[in-house]
């Protein structure tokens, strides 16, 4: 089976035989797959009236377990955005009734962000929709192939996830 990347690589090998274009065979496919995944994610989230960033914040809180709350700093760490961006996101989610701000009992100056029941329900429903979309994307692979691919991708991404800052 030939795909668009095969045609792209063949063209570069023809036009630039002096270059080793082997990385394109893997990373161009990863890039193309990421675009398809982004479309699938947006579809799954829009079905539940959520933007991707809203899903990211809500599911960070949902993964925290009962009582589904984190400090803004913990949310920053999990979502990789700036403090100003997170403040704006919390404000917008609170206005929609998906999160609430509570005083932090261990820090009089601090706050905690807690998922509301509506926020938890939307996060759970959107996650189920996302998993259905992702299963469809992976449908051509066997369970063993999915495990192998996950291990190989982990090997590539782990060094990036462990970079300080």
Protein backbone atom coordinates (compact mmCIF):
# COMPACT_ATOMS: atom_id res chain seq x y z
CA UNK A 1 0.00 0.00 0.00
CA UNK A 2 1.41 3.39 -1.03
CA UNK A 3 0.58 6.66 0.67
CA UNK A 4 1.25 10.34 0.08
CA UNK A 5 4.47 10.21 2.10
CA UNK A 6 5.85 7.50 -0.19
CA UNK A 7 5.26 9.82 -3.15
CA UNK A 8 6.81 12.78 -1.32
CA UNK A 9 9.91 10.77 -0.35
CA UNK A 10 10.31 9.38 -3.88
CA UNK A 11 10.15 12.91 -5.29
CA UNK A 12 12.81 14.18 -2.88
CA UNK A 13 15.06 11.21 -3.60
CA UNK A 14 14.74 11.99 -7.30
CA UNK A 15 15.30 15.73 -6.88
CA UNK A 16 17.88 15.64 -4.06
CA UNK A 17 19.72 12.30 -4.21
CA UNK A 18 22.49 13.93 -2.16
CA UNK A 19 20.23 14.10 0.93
CA UNK A 20 19.18 11.30 3.27
CA UNK A 21 15.41 11.79 3.38
CA UNK A 22 14.73 8.72 5.55
CA UNK A 23 13.48 10.83 8.52
CA UNK A 24 10.60 12.00 6.30
CA UNK A 25 9.35 8.41 6.06
CA UNK A 26 8.57 8.42 9.79
CA UNK A 27 8.09 12.02 10.81
CA UNK A 28 6.00 13.13 7.84
CA UNK A 29 3.61 10.30 8.70
CA UNK A 30 3.57 11.36 12.35
CA UNK A 31 2.83 14.92 11.25
CA UNK A 32 0.03 13.83 8.92
CA UNK A 33 -1.41 11.57 11.62
CA UNK A 34 -1.30 14.47 14.10
CA UNK A 35 -3.40 16.57 11.72
CA UNK A 36 -5.97 13.76 11.42
CA UNK A 37 -5.98 13.34 15.19
CA UNK A 38 -6.46 17.08 15.69
CA UNK A 39 -9.53 16.98 13.42
CA UNK A 40 -10.90 13.95 15.28
CA UNK A 41 -10.31 15.64 18.65
CA UNK A 42 -12.03 18.84 17.55
CA UNK A 43 -15.02 16.84 16.31
CA UNK A 44 -15.28 14.83 19.53
CA UNK A 45 -15.04 17.97 21.66
CA UNK A 46 -17.40 20.08 19.57
CA UNK A 47 -20.09 17.42 19.97
CA UNK A 48 -19.94 18.29 23.69
CA UNK A 49 -19.60 22.07 23.17
CA UNK A 50 -15.96 22.08 24.27
CA UNK A 51 -12.82 23.58 22.80
CA UNK A 52 -9.63 21.49 22.95
CA UNK A 53 -8.16 23.72 25.66
CA UNK A 54 -11.34 23.38 27.72
CA UNK A 55 -11.10 19.60 27.47
CA UNK A 56 -7.45 19.75 28.57
CA UNK A 57 -8.24 21.73 31.73
CA UNK A 58 -11.39 19.78 32.60
CA UNK A 59 -9.71 16.40 32.16
CA UNK A 60 -6.68 17.49 34.21
CA UNK A 61 -9.12 18.16 37.05
CA UNK A 62 -11.03 14.92 36.38
CA UNK A 63 -7.82 12.84 36.50
CA UNK A 64 -7.00 14.37 39.90
CA UNK A 65 -9.73 12.21 41.45
CA UNK A 66 -12.24 13.21 44.08
CA UNK A 67 -12.80 16.05 44.84
CA UNK A 68 -11.55 16.88 41.32
CA UNK A 69 -9.57 19.97 42.25
CA UNK A 70 -6.09 21.35 41.67
CA UNK A 71 -4.27 24.59 42.29
CA UNK A 72 -3.76 26.88 39.30
CA UNK A 73 -0.03 26.00 39.51
CA UNK A 74 -0.78 22.30 39.19
CA UNK A 75 -2.99 23.03 36.19
CA UNK A 76 -0.14 25.04 34.62
CA UNK A 77 2.19 22.07 34.98
CA UNK A 78 -0.27 19.67 33.39
CA UNK A 79 -1.39 21.87 30.50
CA UNK A 80 1.89 23.66 29.67
CA UNK A 81 0.46 27.17 29.40
CA UNK A 82 1.46 30.47 31.02
CA UNK A 83 0.01 31.78 34.25
CA UNK A 84 -1.92 34.53 32.44
CA UNK A 85 -3.37 32.06 29.97
CA UNK A 86 -4.46 29.73 32.76
CA UNK A 87 -6.13 32.57 34.68
CA UNK A 88 -8.09 33.47 31.54
CA UNK A 89 -9.06 29.83 30.97
CA UNK A 90 -10.23 29.34 34.54
CA UNK A 91 -12.30 32.56 34.29
CA UNK A 92 -13.96 31.37 31.09
CA UNK A 93 -14.67 27.88 32.42
CA UNK A 94 -16.07 29.32 35.66
CA UNK A 95 -18.36 31.62 33.66
CA UNK A 96 -19.70 28.52 31.85
CA UNK A 97 -20.30 26.76 35.18
CA UNK A 98 -17.77 24.00 34.45
CA UNK A 99 -15.34 24.86 37.27
CA UNK A 100 -15.45 26.85 40.47
CA UNK A 101 -12.80 28.66 42.49
CA UNK A 102 -12.51 27.82 46.17
CA UNK A 103 -10.23 29.17 48.89
CA UNK A 104 -7.23 26.90 49.50
CA UNK A 105 -7.51 25.76 53.15
CA UNK A 106 -3.74 25.25 53.34
CA UNK A 107 -2.87 28.69 51.91
CA UNK A 108 -5.03 31.71 52.80
CA UNK A 109 -3.84 33.58 49.71
CA UNK A 110 -4.32 30.65 47.35
CA UNK A 111 -7.26 29.19 45.49
CA UNK A 112 -8.20 25.77 44.25
CA UNK A 113 -10.03 25.09 41.02
CA UNK A 114 -12.70 22.42 41.33
CA UNK A 115 -14.67 20.67 38.63
CA UNK A 116 -18.44 21.16 38.91
CA UNK A 117 -20.83 18.27 38.30
CA UNK A 118 -21.57 19.73 34.86
CA UNK A 119 -17.84 20.01 34.14
CA UNK A 120 -17.27 16.39 35.17
CA UNK A 121 -20.15 15.17 33.01
CA UNK A 122 -18.93 17.11 29.96
CA UNK A 123 -15.35 15.89 30.45
CA UNK A 124 -16.52 12.28 30.77
CA UNK A 125 -18.74 12.47 27.70
CA UNK A 126 -16.09 14.20 25.60
CA UNK A 127 -13.49 11.61 26.65
CA UNK A 128 -15.79 8.79 25.56
CA UNK A 129 -16.28 10.54 22.20
CA UNK A 130 -12.55 11.10 21.81
CA UNK A 131 -11.76 7.45 22.53
CA UNK A 132 -14.26 6.36 19.88
CA UNK A 133 -12.57 8.66 17.34
CA UNK A 134 -9.11 7.40 18.32
CA UNK A 135 -10.21 3.75 18.10
CA UNK A 136 -11.37 4.44 14.55
CA UNK A 137 -7.99 5.95 13.65
CA UNK A 138 -6.18 2.89 15.04
CA UNK A 139 -8.62 0.32 13.63
CA UNK A 140 -6.18 -0.89 10.95
CA UNK A 141 -3.68 -2.04 13.60
CA UNK A 142 -3.83 -5.18 15.69
CA UNK A 143 -3.55 -4.96 19.48
CA UNK A 144 0.09 -6.11 19.22
CA UNK A 145 0.84 -3.49 16.55
CA UNK A 146 -0.74 -0.76 18.69
CA UNK A 147 1.39 -1.83 21.67
CA UNK A 148 4.54 -1.86 19.55
CA UNK A 149 3.75 1.55 18.07
CA UNK A 150 3.05 2.98 21.54
CA UNK A 151 6.40 1.69 22.80
CA UNK A 152 8.28 3.14 19.83
CA UNK A 153 6.58 6.51 20.12
CA UNK A 154 7.25 6.54 23.89
CA UNK A 155 10.93 6.03 23.13
CA UNK A 156 10.85 9.12 20.90
CA UNK A 157 8.75 11.37 23.14
CA UNK A 158 10.09 10.51 26.61
CA UNK A 159 13.22 12.67 26.29
CA UNK A 160 11.04 15.70 25.48
CA UNK A 161 8.76 15.03 28.45
CA UNK A 162 11.73 14.93 30.81
CA UNK A 163 13.30 18.25 29.82
CA UNK A 164 13.24 20.67 32.80
CA UNK A 165 11.29 23.90 32.41
